[in-house]
């Protein structure tokens, strides 16, 4: 699985959303599922998918689908 598909899979499985939601730059608290618990579930899924461990500041800053891609790039993941 390529990186963008793995990234999208984490969002789709965690929040039960479709590709359209991702294209519209899904944001924290923009859907009921992306609350604080959903956020940590997403972080956990991404850490597992990419075999990385987010720094606390990055977890806090991870506020949208697009922002998340920027943050993950810091860990050497390319899209």
Protein backbone atom coordinates (compact mmCIF):
# COMPACT_ATOMS: atom_id res chain seq x y z
CA UNK A 1 0.00 0.00 0.00
CA UNK A 2 1.41 3.38 -0.89
CA UNK A 3 1.67 6.13 1.72
CA UNK A 4 -1.30 8.25 0.66
CA UNK A 5 -3.57 5.20 0.66
CA UNK A 6 -2.31 4.20 4.12
CA UNK A 7 -2.90 7.76 5.34
CA UNK A 8 -6.40 7.89 3.87
CA UNK A 9 -7.21 4.44 5.24
CA UNK A 10 -6.48 5.61 8.78
CA UNK A 11 -8.94 8.51 8.39
CA UNK A 12 -11.62 6.44 6.68
CA UNK A 13 -11.47 3.61 9.21
CA UNK A 14 -11.18 5.84 12.28
CA UNK A 15 -13.96 8.24 11.33
CA UNK A 16 -16.07 6.13 8.94
CA UNK A 17 -15.82 8.77 6.22
CA UNK A 18 -15.59 8.59 2.45
CA UNK A 19 -12.95 10.03 0.12
CA UNK A 20 -15.08 13.15 -0.47
CA UNK A 21 -14.64 14.20 3.16
CA UNK A 22 -10.88 13.96 2.81
CA UNK A 23 -10.84 16.04 -0.37
CA UNK A 24 -12.66 18.79 1.52
CA UNK A 25 -9.80 18.98 4.06
CA UNK A 26 -11.53 17.33 6.98
CA UNK A 27 -10.78 19.23 10.21
CA UNK A 28 -10.74 18.45 13.92
CA UNK A 29 -14.22 18.79 15.43
CA UNK A 30 -15.80 19.26 11.98
CA UNK A 31 -17.50 15.88 12.43
CA UNK A 32 -18.72 14.23 15.63
CA UNK A 33 -16.27 11.35 15.28
CA UNK A 34 -13.22 13.65 15.30
CA UNK A 35 -13.32 14.58 18.96
CA UNK A 36 -10.47 14.14 21.44
CA UNK A 37 -10.93 10.36 21.61
CA UNK A 38 -11.24 10.05 17.84
CA UNK A 39 -8.13 12.19 17.51
CA UNK A 40 -6.07 9.81 19.62
CA UNK A 41 -7.48 6.82 17.73
CA UNK A 42 -6.38 8.47 14.47
CA UNK A 43 -2.91 9.20 15.86
CA UNK A 44 -2.59 5.60 17.00
CA UNK A 45 -3.66 4.26 13.59
CA UNK A 46 -1.18 6.53 11.80
CA UNK A 47 1.65 5.58 14.14
CA UNK A 48 0.91 1.92 13.50
CA UNK A 49 0.55 2.31 9.72
CA UNK A 50 3.78 4.28 9.35
CA UNK A 51 5.80 2.78 12.23
CA UNK A 52 6.44 6.22 13.73
CA UNK A 53 5.88 7.86 17.10
CA UNK A 54 4.49 11.39 17.06
CA UNK A 55 5.92 14.05 19.32
CA UNK A 56 3.39 15.67 21.64
CA UNK A 57 3.51 19.01 19.79
CA UNK A 58 2.71 17.25 16.53
CA UNK A 59 -0.29 15.48 18.07
CA UNK A 60 -1.63 18.83 19.26
CA UNK A 61 -0.92 20.55 15.92
CA UNK A 62 -2.57 17.77 13.87
CA UNK A 63 -5.74 19.77 13.22
CA UNK A 64 -6.80 18.74 9.72
CA UNK A 65 -6.30 16.21 6.96
CA UNK A 66 -3.90 18.55 5.10
CA UNK A 67 -2.02 19.66 8.23
CA UNK A 68 -1.54 16.01 9.10
CA UNK A 69 0.23 15.36 5.81
CA UNK A 70 2.64 18.23 6.55
CA UNK A 71 3.36 16.84 10.00
CA UNK A 72 3.91 13.27 8.80
CA UNK A 73 6.43 14.50 6.23
CA UNK A 74 8.63 15.56 9.16
CA UNK A 75 9.00 11.85 9.96
CA UNK A 76 10.36 11.01 6.52
CA UNK A 77 7.06 9.85 5.03
CA UNK A 78 6.56 11.00 1.44
CA UNK A 79 3.25 11.40 -0.38
